[in-house]
Amino acid sequence: MWWIRIVLIAAGYVFGLFQTGYFYGKITGTDLRKSGSGNTGATNALRVAGIKGALIVFFFDALKAFIPCFAVRLIFRSDPYMYVYLVYTAFGVILGNDFPFYLKFKGGKGVAATCGWCFAWQWQITLLGLALFFSIAFATGYVSLASIIVALFIIGMAAAFGFMSISGFAPAPFSNPIFIEFFVIVILMSALLIWRHKGNVKRLLTGTENRFGKHRKKKEE
């Protein structure tokens, strides 16, 4: 039913409004919106507040996506649209995270929230995604590049998921309208994550992107 999708997006948006970086800044006296890149996500928290701040922001931003998505999975566990409802909820969380109305629609980029909803979807895929993320981030020093590649990885895993027996879509997911709807929403969320990194993409292409760790050269403008 269409109204369930609207309710789930709205409920997800409310959860997404909890801007961990913003509130962490209020508690510590460090406004992430006025420091570093001006982003309220974990990457800027790492840049401004160090690894402790980054871990706190990442954990709670992931948790705010995991909780409603896992709840939806439990509530609709016997419904054939369960995975569809899960990703609509996730989409709402990411919209709230990226575009919080009370911060003039300037939030994070949705990386931690993506991790949270993926963990509620399939924790095994999430662990693979995290391994890929950290491998790329540590090898290149580019967190943005790791985030973009993981967004593409999620699209690939969503496609492969359709052929898994546990998905309920096998053996022909792309002829199943329920799976197609699920897959389209996953693509939209991943595309939004990549779009939110458009500034980083430009800097990557021009060789001016900021690096972390031993690769770090200068602060992001």
N, C-alpha and C. Protein backbone atom coordinates (compact mmCIF):
# COMPACT_ATOMS: atom_id res chain seq x y z
N MET A 1 0.84 -1.19 0.00
CA MET A 1 0.00 0.00 0.00
C MET A 1 0.89 1.25 0.00
N TRP A 2 0.54 2.22 -0.82
CA TRP A 2 1.39 3.39 -1.01
C TRP A 2 1.54 4.20 0.27
N TRP A 3 0.49 4.25 1.11
CA TRP A 3 0.55 5.09 2.30
C TRP A 3 1.55 4.57 3.31
N ILE A 4 1.78 3.25 3.30
CA ILE A 4 2.78 2.69 4.21
C ILE A 4 4.16 3.23 3.86
N ARG A 5 4.44 3.35 2.58
CA ARG A 5 5.74 3.87 2.14
C ARG A 5 5.93 5.32 2.60
N ILE A 6 4.87 6.12 2.48
CA ILE A 6 4.96 7.52 2.89
C ILE A 6 5.17 7.63 4.40
N VAL A 7 4.45 6.82 5.16
CA VAL A 7 4.59 6.83 6.62
C VAL A 7 6.00 6.43 7.02
N LEU A 8 6.54 5.41 6.35
CA LEU A 8 7.88 4.92 6.69
C LEU A 8 8.96 5.94 6.33
N ILE A 9 8.80 6.62 5.20
CA ILE A 9 9.76 7.67 4.84
C ILE A 9 9.71 8.79 5.87
N ALA A 10 8.49 9.18 6.26
CA ALA A 10 8.33 10.25 7.25
C ALA A 10 8.91 9.85 8.60
N ALA A 11 8.64 8.61 9.02
CA ALA A 11 9.17 8.13 10.30
C ALA A 11 10.70 8.07 10.24
N GLY A 12 11.22 7.60 9.11
CA GLY A 12 12.67 7.55 8.95
C GLY A 12 13.28 8.94 9.00
N TYR A 13 12.62 9.90 8.37
CA TYR A 13 13.12 11.28 8.36
C TYR A 13 13.24 11.82 9.79
N VAL A 14 12.26 11.49 10.63
CA VAL A 14 12.29 11.95 12.03
C VAL A 14 13.52 11.38 12.74
N PHE A 15 13.79 10.09 12.53
CA PHE A 15 14.98 9.49 13.14
C PHE A 15 16.25 10.15 12.59
N GLY A 16 16.25 10.42 11.30
CA GLY A 16 17.42 11.02 10.67
C GLY A 16 17.72 12.41 11.16
N LEU A 17 16.73 13.09 11.74
CA LEU A 17 16.93 14.45 12.22
C LEU A 17 17.88 14.54 13.41
N PHE A 18 18.14 13.39 14.05
CA PHE A 18 19.07 13.41 15.17
C PHE A 18 20.49 13.57 14.61
N GLN A 19 20.96 14.79 14.59
CA GLN A 19 22.28 15.10 14.04
C GLN A 19 23.33 14.94 15.14
N THR A 20 23.91 13.76 15.18
CA THR A 20 24.88 13.47 16.24
C THR A 20 26.01 14.48 16.27
N GLY A 21 26.55 14.82 15.09
CA GLY A 21 27.65 15.77 15.02
C GLY A 21 27.28 17.13 15.59
N TYR A 22 26.07 17.56 15.30
CA TYR A 22 25.60 18.86 15.80
C TYR A 22 25.50 18.85 17.32
N PHE A 23 24.87 17.81 17.87
CA PHE A 23 24.69 17.75 19.32
C PHE A 23 26.00 17.47 20.04
N TYR A 24 26.88 16.69 19.41
CA TYR A 24 28.20 16.45 19.99
C TYR A 24 28.96 17.78 20.08
N GLY A 25 28.81 18.58 19.04
CA GLY A 25 29.44 19.90 19.05
C GLY A 25 28.89 20.80 20.14
N LYS A 26 27.57 20.70 20.37
CA LYS A 26 26.96 21.50 21.43
C LYS A 26 27.52 21.12 22.80
N ILE A 27 27.75 19.80 22.99
CA ILE A 27 28.24 19.32 24.27
C ILE A 27 29.71 19.68 24.48
N THR A 28 30.50 19.57 23.41
CA THR A 28 31.95 19.79 23.52
C THR A 28 32.37 21.21 23.21
N GLY A 29 31.44 22.01 22.72
CA GLY A 29 31.77 23.39 22.39
C GLY A 29 32.46 23.55 21.05
N THR A 30 32.33 22.53 20.20
CA THR A 30 32.94 22.58 18.87
C THR A 30 31.84 22.47 17.82
N ASP A 31 31.59 23.54 17.11
CA ASP A 31 30.55 23.54 16.09
C ASP A 31 31.13 23.02 14.78
N LEU A 32 30.77 21.79 14.42
CA LEU A 32 31.31 21.18 13.21
C LEU A 32 30.92 21.95 11.96
N ARG A 33 29.81 22.68 12.05
CA ARG A 33 29.34 23.43 10.87
C ARG A 33 30.23 24.64 10.58
N LYS A 34 31.04 25.02 11.57
CA LYS A 34 31.90 26.19 11.40
C LYS A 34 33.37 25.82 11.38
N SER A 35 33.65 24.51 11.31
CA SER A 35 35.02 24.05 11.31
C SER A 35 35.22 23.00 10.22
N GLY A 36 36.46 22.85 9.76
CA GLY A 36 36.75 21.86 8.74
C GLY A 36 35.96 22.10 7.48
N SER A 37 35.26 21.06 7.04
CA SER A 37 34.46 21.15 5.82
C SER A 37 33.08 21.74 6.07
N GLY A 38 32.70 21.91 7.36
CA GLY A 38 31.38 22.42 7.69
C GLY A 38 30.31 21.36 7.71
N ASN A 39 30.72 20.11 7.53
CA ASN A 39 29.80 18.98 7.51
C ASN A 39 29.62 18.43 8.92
N THR A 40 28.43 17.88 9.22
CA THR A 40 28.19 17.36 10.57
C THR A 40 28.44 15.86 10.68
N GLY A 41 29.03 15.26 9.66
CA GLY A 41 29.26 13.83 9.65
C GLY A 41 30.53 13.41 10.37
N ALA A 42 30.78 12.09 10.38
CA ALA A 42 31.90 11.52 11.13
C ALA A 42 33.25 11.94 10.56
N THR A 43 33.34 12.10 9.23
CA THR A 43 34.63 12.47 8.64
C THR A 43 35.08 13.84 9.12
N ASN A 44 34.16 14.79 9.13
CA ASN A 44 34.54 16.12 9.62
C ASN A 44 34.76 16.11 11.13
N ALA A 45 34.03 15.23 11.83
CA ALA A 45 34.26 15.09 13.27
C ALA A 45 35.67 14.58 13.53
N LEU A 46 36.16 13.67 12.68
CA LEU A 46 37.53 13.17 12.80
C LEU A 46 38.52 14.31 12.59
N ARG A 47 38.22 15.12 11.61
CA ARG A 47 39.10 16.24 11.28
C ARG A 47 39.13 17.28 12.40
N VAL A 48 37.98 17.54 12.99
CA VAL A 48 37.87 18.63 13.96
C VAL A 48 38.03 18.15 15.41
N ALA A 49 37.40 17.01 15.73
CA ALA A 49 37.35 16.57 17.13
C ALA A 49 38.19 15.33 17.42
N GLY A 50 38.84 14.78 16.41
CA GLY A 50 39.67 13.61 16.64
C GLY A 50 38.91 12.30 16.54
N ILE A 51 39.61 11.21 16.78
CA ILE A 51 39.03 9.89 16.56
C ILE A 51 37.89 9.59 17.53
N LYS A 52 37.98 10.08 18.77
CA LYS A 52 36.90 9.86 19.72
C LYS A 52 35.60 10.49 19.22
N GLY A 53 35.68 11.72 18.79
CA GLY A 53 34.49 12.40 18.27
C GLY A 53 33.95 11.71 17.04
N ALA A 54 34.85 11.25 16.16
CA ALA A 54 34.43 10.58 14.93
C ALA A 54 33.70 9.29 15.24
N LEU A 55 34.22 8.51 16.19
CA LEU A 55 33.60 7.23 16.54
C LEU A 55 32.22 7.44 17.16
N ILE A 56 32.09 8.46 18.00
CA ILE A 56 30.80 8.75 18.62
C ILE A 56 29.78 9.16 17.56
N VAL A 57 30.19 10.06 16.68
CA VAL A 57 29.28 10.53 15.63
C VAL A 57 28.90 9.38 14.70
N PHE A 58 29.88 8.59 14.30
CA PHE A 58 29.59 7.48 13.39
C PHE A 58 28.64 6.47 14.04
N PHE A 59 28.91 6.11 15.29
CA PHE A 59 28.10 5.10 15.97
C PHE A 59 26.65 5.52 16.07
N PHE A 60 26.40 6.73 16.55
CA PHE A 60 25.02 7.14 16.76
C PHE A 60 24.31 7.48 15.45
N ASP A 61 25.06 7.93 14.44
CA ASP A 61 24.45 8.15 13.14
C ASP A 61 24.06 6.82 12.49
N ALA A 62 24.87 5.79 12.72
CA ALA A 62 24.53 4.46 12.22
C ALA A 62 23.36 3.87 13.01
N LEU A 63 23.38 4.10 14.32
CA LEU A 63 22.33 3.55 15.19
C LEU A 63 20.97 4.13 14.86
N LYS A 64 20.92 5.42 14.53
CA LYS A 64 19.63 6.05 14.24
C LYS A 64 19.00 5.49 12.97
N ALA A 65 19.81 4.88 12.12
CA ALA A 65 19.28 4.21 10.93
C ALA A 65 18.96 2.75 11.22
N PHE A 66 19.81 2.13 12.02
CA PHE A 66 19.61 0.71 12.33
C PHE A 66 18.31 0.47 13.09
N ILE A 67 18.03 1.29 14.09
CA ILE A 67 16.87 1.05 14.96
C ILE A 67 15.55 1.02 14.18
N PRO A 68 15.20 2.06 13.42
CA PRO A 68 13.91 2.00 12.71
C PRO A 68 13.89 0.94 11.62
N CYS A 69 15.02 0.71 10.96
CA CYS A 69 15.05 -0.29 9.89
C CYS A 69 14.90 -1.70 10.46
N PHE A 70 15.55 -1.97 11.57
CA PHE A 70 15.43 -3.28 12.18
C PHE A 70 14.02 -3.48 12.73
N ALA A 71 13.43 -2.41 13.25
CA ALA A 71 12.05 -2.49 13.75
C ALA A 71 11.09 -2.82 12.62
N VAL A 72 11.30 -2.18 11.47
CA VAL A 72 10.46 -2.47 10.30
C VAL A 72 10.64 -3.91 9.86
N ARG A 73 11.87 -4.38 9.91
CA ARG A 73 12.12 -5.78 9.53
C ARG A 73 11.36 -6.75 10.44
N LEU A 74 11.29 -6.43 11.73
CA LEU A 74 10.58 -7.29 12.67
C LEU A 74 9.06 -7.20 12.47
N ILE A 75 8.56 -5.98 12.29
CA ILE A 75 7.11 -5.76 12.16
C ILE A 75 6.57 -6.42 10.90
N PHE A 76 7.32 -6.31 9.80
CA PHE A 76 6.85 -6.83 8.52
C PHE A 76 7.57 -8.12 8.10
N ARG A 77 8.06 -8.89 9.08
CA ARG A 77 8.89 -10.05 8.77
C ARG A 77 8.19 -11.11 7.92
N SER A 78 6.87 -11.17 7.97
CA SER A 78 6.14 -12.15 7.17
C SER A 78 5.50 -11.53 5.93
N ASP A 79 5.81 -10.27 5.68
CA ASP A 79 5.24 -9.56 4.53
C ASP A 79 6.21 -9.64 3.36
N PRO A 80 5.74 -9.99 2.15
CA PRO A 80 6.64 -10.07 0.99
C PRO A 80 7.30 -8.73 0.64
N TYR A 81 6.74 -7.63 1.15
CA TYR A 81 7.31 -6.30 0.88
C TYR A 81 8.26 -5.85 1.99
N MET A 82 8.65 -6.78 2.86
CA MET A 82 9.46 -6.41 4.01
C MET A 82 10.72 -5.65 3.62
N TYR A 83 11.47 -6.13 2.65
CA TYR A 83 12.71 -5.45 2.25
C TYR A 83 12.43 -4.11 1.58
N VAL A 84 11.31 -4.03 0.90
CA VAL A 84 10.92 -2.75 0.29
C VAL A 84 10.63 -1.72 1.38
N TYR A 85 9.88 -2.13 2.39
CA TYR A 85 9.57 -1.22 3.48
C TYR A 85 10.84 -0.81 4.25
N LEU A 86 11.77 -1.75 4.37
CA LEU A 86 13.03 -1.45 5.06
C LEU A 86 13.79 -0.34 4.34
N VAL A 87 13.88 -0.43 3.00
CA VAL A 87 14.67 0.59 2.30
C VAL A 87 13.94 1.93 2.20
N TYR A 88 12.62 1.92 2.21
CA TYR A 88 11.91 3.20 2.27
C TYR A 88 12.19 3.89 3.61
N THR A 89 12.22 3.12 4.69
CA THR A 89 12.55 3.67 6.00
C THR A 89 13.97 4.22 5.99
N ALA A 90 14.88 3.45 5.42
CA ALA A 90 16.28 3.88 5.32
C ALA A 90 16.41 5.16 4.51
N PHE A 91 15.66 5.25 3.42
CA PHE A 91 15.70 6.44 2.59
C PHE A 91 15.26 7.67 3.39
N GLY A 92 14.22 7.49 4.21
CA GLY A 92 13.75 8.58 5.05
C GLY A 92 14.81 9.02 6.05
N VAL A 93 15.49 8.05 6.67
CA VAL A 93 16.55 8.37 7.63
C VAL A 93 17.65 9.17 6.95
N ILE A 94 18.06 8.74 5.78
CA ILE A 94 19.15 9.42 5.07
C ILE A 94 18.73 10.83 4.66
N LEU A 95 17.48 11.00 4.25
CA LEU A 95 17.00 12.34 3.92
C LEU A 95 17.03 13.25 5.15
N GLY A 96 16.63 12.71 6.30
CA GLY A 96 16.67 13.49 7.53
C GLY A 96 18.10 13.80 7.95
N ASN A 97 18.99 12.83 7.74
CA ASN A 97 20.40 13.03 8.08
C ASN A 97 21.05 14.07 7.17
N ASP A 98 20.75 14.00 5.88
CA ASP A 98 21.39 14.89 4.91
C ASP A 98 20.76 16.28 4.86
N PHE A 99 19.44 16.33 5.11
CA PHE A 99 18.70 17.59 4.95
C PHE A 99 17.81 17.89 6.16
N PRO A 100 18.41 18.11 7.34
CA PRO A 100 17.61 18.42 8.53
C PRO A 100 17.04 19.83 8.44
N PHE A 101 15.73 19.95 8.57
CA PHE A 101 15.07 21.25 8.37
C PHE A 101 15.54 22.29 9.37
N TYR A 102 15.86 21.85 10.61
CA TYR A 102 16.20 22.82 11.65
C TYR A 102 17.65 23.30 11.55
N LEU A 103 18.41 22.72 10.63
CA LEU A 103 19.77 23.19 10.37
C LEU A 103 19.88 23.74 8.95
N LYS A 104 18.76 24.28 8.48
CA LYS A 104 18.69 24.85 7.13
C LYS A 104 19.04 23.82 6.06
N PHE A 105 18.63 22.56 6.33
CA PHE A 105 18.79 21.46 5.39
C PHE A 105 20.26 21.15 5.08
N LYS A 106 21.15 21.45 6.05
CA LYS A 106 22.57 21.16 5.88
C LYS A 106 23.01 20.15 6.94
N GLY A 107 23.11 18.90 6.53
CA GLY A 107 23.49 17.85 7.47
C GLY A 107 24.72 17.11 7.02
N GLY A 108 24.71 15.79 7.20
CA GLY A 108 25.84 14.96 6.82
C GLY A 108 25.73 14.46 5.40
N LYS A 109 26.52 13.44 5.09
CA LYS A 109 26.53 12.87 3.75
C LYS A 109 25.92 11.48 3.70
N GLY A 110 25.58 10.94 4.86
CA GLY A 110 24.83 9.68 4.90
C GLY A 110 25.64 8.41 4.92
N VAL A 111 26.96 8.50 5.13
CA VAL A 111 27.79 7.29 5.12
C VAL A 111 27.49 6.40 6.32
N ALA A 112 27.49 6.98 7.52
CA ALA A 112 27.21 6.20 8.73
C ALA A 112 25.77 5.68 8.73
N ALA A 113 24.83 6.51 8.29
CA ALA A 113 23.43 6.07 8.22
C ALA A 113 23.27 4.93 7.23
N THR A 114 24.03 4.96 6.15
CA THR A 114 24.01 3.86 5.18
C THR A 114 24.51 2.58 5.82
N CYS A 115 25.57 2.70 6.62
CA CYS A 115 26.08 1.54 7.34
C CYS A 115 25.01 0.97 8.28
N GLY A 116 24.28 1.85 8.95
CA GLY A 116 23.26 1.41 9.89
C GLY A 116 22.13 0.65 9.23
N TRP A 117 21.60 1.19 8.10
CA TRP A 117 20.49 0.49 7.48
C TRP A 117 20.96 -0.81 6.83
N CYS A 118 22.19 -0.80 6.31
CA CYS A 118 22.71 -2.04 5.70
C CYS A 118 22.86 -3.14 6.74
N PHE A 119 23.24 -2.75 7.97
CA PHE A 119 23.38 -3.75 9.03
C PHE A 119 22.03 -4.37 9.37
N ALA A 120 20.97 -3.57 9.31
CA ALA A 120 19.63 -4.10 9.55
C ALA A 120 19.17 -4.97 8.39
N TRP A 121 19.68 -4.69 7.20
CA TRP A 121 19.33 -5.47 6.00
C TRP A 121 20.07 -6.80 5.98
N GLN A 122 21.41 -6.75 5.87
CA GLN A 122 22.24 -7.95 5.88
C GLN A 122 23.57 -7.61 6.53
N TRP A 123 23.79 -8.08 7.74
CA TRP A 123 25.00 -7.70 8.47
C TRP A 123 26.27 -8.22 7.77
N GLN A 124 26.15 -9.37 7.06
CA GLN A 124 27.32 -9.91 6.38
C GLN A 124 27.81 -8.95 5.29
N ILE A 125 26.86 -8.40 4.53
CA ILE A 125 27.21 -7.45 3.48
C ILE A 125 27.81 -6.20 4.09
N THR A 126 27.29 -5.80 5.25
CA THR A 126 27.82 -4.62 5.93
C THR A 126 29.28 -4.82 6.32
N LEU A 127 29.61 -5.99 6.84
CA LEU A 127 30.99 -6.27 7.24
C LEU A 127 31.92 -6.25 6.03
N LEU A 128 31.45 -6.79 4.91
CA LEU A 128 32.25 -6.75 3.68
C LEU A 128 32.45 -5.31 3.23
N GLY A 129 31.36 -4.53 3.32
CA GLY A 129 31.44 -3.12 2.93
C GLY A 129 32.41 -2.34 3.81
N LEU A 130 32.39 -2.61 5.11
CA LEU A 130 33.29 -1.92 6.03
C LEU A 130 34.74 -2.30 5.75
N ALA A 131 34.97 -3.59 5.47
CA ALA A 131 36.32 -4.05 5.14
C ALA A 131 36.82 -3.35 3.88
N LEU A 132 35.94 -3.23 2.89
CA LEU A 132 36.30 -2.54 1.65
C LEU A 132 36.57 -1.07 1.92
N PHE A 133 35.72 -0.45 2.71
CA PHE A 133 35.86 0.97 3.03
C PHE A 133 37.22 1.26 3.68
N PHE A 134 37.53 0.52 4.74
CA PHE A 134 38.77 0.79 5.47
C PHE A 134 40.00 0.42 4.65
N SER A 135 39.88 -0.60 3.82
CA SER A 135 41.01 -0.98 2.96
C SER A 135 41.36 0.17 2.01
N ILE A 136 40.33 0.73 1.39
CA ILE A 136 40.55 1.83 0.44
C ILE A 136 41.00 3.09 1.16
N ALA A 137 40.35 3.38 2.29
CA ALA A 137 40.69 4.60 3.03
C ALA A 137 42.13 4.58 3.53
N PHE A 138 42.58 3.45 4.06
CA PHE A 138 43.94 3.37 4.58
C PHE A 138 44.97 3.27 3.46
N ALA A 139 44.59 2.63 2.36
CA ALA A 139 45.53 2.47 1.25
C ALA A 139 45.76 3.77 0.50
N THR A 140 44.70 4.57 0.38
CA THR A 140 44.80 5.80 -0.43
C THR A 140 44.82 7.07 0.40
N GLY A 141 44.28 7.01 1.61
CA GLY A 141 44.13 8.20 2.43
C GLY A 141 42.89 9.00 2.08
N TYR A 142 42.09 8.51 1.14
CA TYR A 142 40.90 9.24 0.70
C TYR A 142 39.64 8.59 1.28
N VAL A 143 39.06 9.19 2.30
CA VAL A 143 37.81 8.69 2.87
C VAL A 143 36.67 8.86 1.88
N SER A 144 36.68 9.96 1.14
CA SER A 144 35.62 10.22 0.17
C SER A 144 35.60 9.16 -0.92
N LEU A 145 36.78 8.77 -1.42
CA LEU A 145 36.86 7.74 -2.45
C LEU A 145 36.33 6.41 -1.92
N ALA A 146 36.69 6.08 -0.68
CA ALA A 146 36.20 4.85 -0.06
C ALA A 146 34.68 4.87 0.04
N SER A 147 34.12 6.02 0.41
CA SER A 147 32.66 6.15 0.55
C SER A 147 31.95 5.95 -0.79
N ILE A 148 32.50 6.53 -1.82
CA ILE A 148 31.90 6.44 -3.15
C ILE A 148 31.94 5.01 -3.68
N ILE A 149 33.07 4.35 -3.50
CA ILE A 149 33.21 2.97 -3.98
C ILE A 149 32.28 2.04 -3.20
N VAL A 150 32.14 2.28 -1.91
CA VAL A 150 31.23 1.45 -1.11
C VAL A 150 29.77 1.67 -1.55
N ALA A 151 29.43 2.89 -1.94
CA ALA A 151 28.08 3.15 -2.44
C ALA A 151 27.81 2.32 -3.69
N LEU A 152 28.80 2.21 -4.57
CA LEU A 152 28.67 1.38 -5.77
C LEU A 152 28.64 -0.11 -5.39
N PHE A 153 29.41 -0.47 -4.38
CA PHE A 153 29.43 -1.84 -3.87
C PHE A 153 28.05 -2.26 -3.38
N ILE A 154 27.36 -1.35 -2.70
CA ILE A 154 26.03 -1.66 -2.18
C ILE A 154 25.05 -1.95 -3.32
N ILE A 155 25.16 -1.18 -4.40
CA ILE A 155 24.30 -1.43 -5.56
C ILE A 155 24.56 -2.84 -6.10
N GLY A 156 25.83 -3.19 -6.22
CA GLY A 156 26.19 -4.53 -6.70
C GLY A 156 25.69 -5.62 -5.78
N MET A 157 25.83 -5.41 -4.48
CA MET A 157 25.37 -6.41 -3.51
C MET A 157 23.84 -6.52 -3.50
N ALA A 158 23.16 -5.40 -3.73
CA ALA A 158 21.70 -5.44 -3.80
C ALA A 158 21.25 -6.28 -4.99
N ALA A 159 21.97 -6.13 -6.11
CA ALA A 159 21.65 -6.93 -7.30
C ALA A 159 21.91 -8.41 -7.02
N ALA A 160 23.04 -8.71 -6.40
CA ALA A 160 23.38 -10.11 -6.09
C ALA A 160 22.42 -10.69 -5.06
N PHE A 161 21.96 -9.84 -4.13
CA PHE A 161 21.05 -10.29 -3.08
C PHE A 161 19.78 -10.89 -3.67
N GLY A 162 19.34 -10.34 -4.80
CA GLY A 162 18.12 -10.84 -5.42
C GLY A 162 18.20 -12.30 -5.82
N PHE A 163 19.43 -12.78 -6.06
CA PHE A 163 19.61 -14.16 -6.49
C PHE A 163 19.87 -15.12 -5.34
N MET A 164 19.98 -14.57 -4.11
CA MET A 164 20.20 -15.41 -2.94
C MET A 164 18.89 -16.03 -2.47
N SER A 165 18.95 -17.25 -2.03
CA SER A 165 17.74 -17.95 -1.59
C SER A 165 17.09 -17.27 -0.39
N ILE A 166 17.90 -16.62 0.45
CA ILE A 166 17.35 -15.97 1.65
C ILE A 166 16.55 -14.72 1.32
N SER A 167 16.71 -14.20 0.10
CA SER A 167 16.05 -12.94 -0.25
C SER A 167 14.57 -13.10 -0.54
N GLY A 168 14.19 -14.29 -0.99
CA GLY A 168 12.80 -14.50 -1.40
C GLY A 168 12.51 -14.05 -2.81
N PHE A 169 13.54 -13.51 -3.52
CA PHE A 169 13.36 -13.02 -4.88
C PHE A 169 13.89 -14.01 -5.93
N ALA A 170 14.78 -14.91 -5.49
CA ALA A 170 15.39 -15.86 -6.42
C ALA A 170 14.29 -16.76 -7.01
N PRO A 171 14.50 -17.32 -8.23
CA PRO A 171 15.73 -17.27 -9.02
C PRO A 171 15.75 -16.16 -10.08
N ALA A 172 14.67 -15.40 -10.22
CA ALA A 172 14.62 -14.38 -11.27
C ALA A 172 14.20 -13.04 -10.69
N PRO A 173 15.08 -12.38 -9.92
CA PRO A 173 14.68 -11.15 -9.22
C PRO A 173 14.28 -10.01 -10.15
N PHE A 174 14.92 -9.90 -11.32
CA PHE A 174 14.65 -8.75 -12.17
C PHE A 174 13.35 -8.89 -12.97
N SER A 175 12.63 -9.97 -12.72
CA SER A 175 11.28 -10.09 -13.26
C SER A 175 10.25 -9.98 -12.13
N ASN A 176 10.76 -9.71 -10.93
CA ASN A 176 9.91 -9.59 -9.74
C ASN A 176 9.72 -8.10 -9.43
N PRO A 177 8.49 -7.58 -9.54
CA PRO A 177 8.26 -6.14 -9.31
C PRO A 177 8.62 -5.69 -7.90
N ILE A 178 8.51 -6.58 -6.92
CA ILE A 178 8.87 -6.22 -5.54
C ILE A 178 10.37 -5.98 -5.45
N PHE A 179 11.15 -6.89 -6.05
CA PHE A 179 12.60 -6.72 -6.03
C PHE A 179 13.01 -5.48 -6.82
N ILE A 180 12.38 -5.24 -7.95
CA ILE A 180 12.72 -4.07 -8.76
C ILE A 180 12.52 -2.79 -7.96
N GLU A 181 11.42 -2.71 -7.21
CA GLU A 181 11.17 -1.53 -6.38
C GLU A 181 12.26 -1.39 -5.32
N PHE A 182 12.59 -2.50 -4.67
CA PHE A 182 13.67 -2.51 -3.67
C PHE A 182 14.98 -2.02 -4.29
N PHE A 183 15.30 -2.54 -5.45
CA PHE A 183 16.57 -2.23 -6.11
C PHE A 183 16.64 -0.77 -6.54
N VAL A 184 15.54 -0.23 -7.02
CA VAL A 184 15.50 1.17 -7.45
C VAL A 184 15.76 2.11 -6.27
N ILE A 185 15.16 1.81 -5.11
CA ILE A 185 15.37 2.65 -3.94
C ILE A 185 16.81 2.57 -3.46
N VAL A 186 17.40 1.38 -3.52
CA VAL A 186 18.81 1.24 -3.15
C VAL A 186 19.69 2.08 -4.08
N ILE A 187 19.39 2.06 -5.37
CA ILE A 187 20.14 2.87 -6.32
C ILE A 187 19.99 4.36 -6.00
N LEU A 188 18.78 4.79 -5.67
CA LEU A 188 18.55 6.20 -5.34
C LEU A 188 19.34 6.62 -4.11
N MET A 189 19.36 5.77 -3.09
CA MET A 189 20.11 6.11 -1.88
C MET A 189 21.61 6.17 -2.15
N SER A 190 22.10 5.21 -2.91
CA SER A 190 23.52 5.20 -3.24
C SER A 190 23.89 6.39 -4.12
N ALA A 191 23.01 6.72 -5.05
CA ALA A 191 23.25 7.88 -5.92
C ALA A 191 23.27 9.16 -5.11
N LEU A 192 22.38 9.26 -4.10
CA LEU A 192 22.37 10.44 -3.24
C LEU A 192 23.68 10.56 -2.46
N LEU A 193 24.18 9.42 -1.97
CA LEU A 193 25.44 9.44 -1.23
C LEU A 193 26.57 9.95 -2.12
N ILE A 194 26.60 9.44 -3.35
CA ILE A 194 27.65 9.88 -4.29
C ILE A 194 27.48 11.36 -4.62
N TRP A 195 26.25 11.80 -4.85
CA TRP A 195 25.99 13.21 -5.16
C TRP A 195 26.42 14.12 -4.03
N ARG A 196 26.23 13.66 -2.79
CA ARG A 196 26.64 14.46 -1.64
C ARG A 196 28.16 14.62 -1.57
N HIS A 197 28.87 13.78 -2.30
CA HIS A 197 30.33 13.86 -2.36
C HIS A 197 30.80 14.54 -3.64
N LYS A 198 29.91 15.29 -4.28
CA LYS A 198 30.28 15.89 -5.59
C LYS A 198 31.49 16.81 -5.48
N GLY A 199 31.58 17.55 -4.36
CA GLY A 199 32.74 18.42 -4.17
C GLY A 199 34.02 17.60 -4.04
N ASN A 200 33.91 16.46 -3.35
CA ASN A 200 35.07 15.59 -3.19
C ASN A 200 35.48 14.99 -4.53
N VAL A 201 34.48 14.65 -5.35
CA VAL A 201 34.79 14.08 -6.68
C VAL A 201 35.59 15.08 -7.51
N LYS A 202 35.18 16.34 -7.47
CA LYS A 202 35.91 17.36 -8.22
C LYS A 202 37.36 17.46 -7.74
N ARG A 203 37.55 17.42 -6.42
CA ARG A 203 38.91 17.51 -5.88
C ARG A 203 39.72 16.26 -6.16
N LEU A 204 39.06 15.11 -6.18
CA LEU A 204 39.77 13.88 -6.54
C LEU A 204 40.27 13.94 -7.97
N LEU A 205 39.43 14.48 -8.85
CA LEU A 205 39.79 14.57 -10.27
C LEU A 205 40.92 15.58 -10.51
N THR A 206 40.99 16.59 -9.65
CA THR A 206 42.02 17.62 -9.83
C THR A 206 43.24 17.38 -8.93
N GLY A 207 43.17 16.31 -8.13
CA GLY A 207 44.30 15.99 -7.26
C GLY A 207 44.44 16.88 -6.05
N THR A 208 43.37 17.55 -5.65
CA THR A 208 43.43 18.47 -4.51
C THR A 208 42.64 17.96 -3.30
N GLU A 209 42.15 16.74 -3.37
CA GLU A 209 41.35 16.20 -2.27
C GLU A 209 42.22 15.99 -1.03
N ASN A 210 41.65 16.26 0.13
CA ASN A 210 42.34 16.12 1.39
C ASN A 210 42.54 14.64 1.74
N ARG A 211 43.69 14.32 2.30
CA ARG A 211 43.98 12.97 2.75
C ARG A 211 44.11 12.93 4.26
N PHE A 212 43.95 11.72 4.80
CA PHE A 212 44.07 11.55 6.24
C PHE A 212 45.26 10.66 6.57
N GLY A 213 45.60 10.64 7.85
CA GLY A 213 46.69 9.79 8.30
C GLY A 213 48.02 10.24 7.75
N LYS A 214 48.85 9.30 7.36
CA LYS A 214 50.19 9.62 6.88
C LYS A 214 50.15 10.33 5.54
N HIS A 215 48.97 10.26 4.85
CA HIS A 215 48.84 10.88 3.53
C HIS A 215 48.39 12.34 3.62
N ARG A 216 47.96 12.75 4.82
CA ARG A 216 47.32 14.06 4.93
C ARG A 216 48.26 15.19 4.52
N LYS A 217 47.77 16.10 3.70
CA LYS A 217 48.57 17.21 3.23
C LYS A 217 48.10 18.54 3.78
N LYS A 218 46.80 18.76 3.66
CA LYS A 218 46.28 20.04 4.11
C LYS A 218 44.81 19.92 4.42
N LYS A 219 44.28 20.91 5.07
CA LYS A 219 42.87 20.89 5.43
C LYS A 219 42.00 21.13 4.21
N GLU A 220 40.81 20.47 4.23
CA GLU A 220 39.87 20.65 3.12
C GLU A 220 39.32 22.06 3.16
N GLU A 221 39.23 22.66 2.00
CA GLU A 221 38.70 24.00 1.92
C GLU A 221 37.18 24.00 2.05
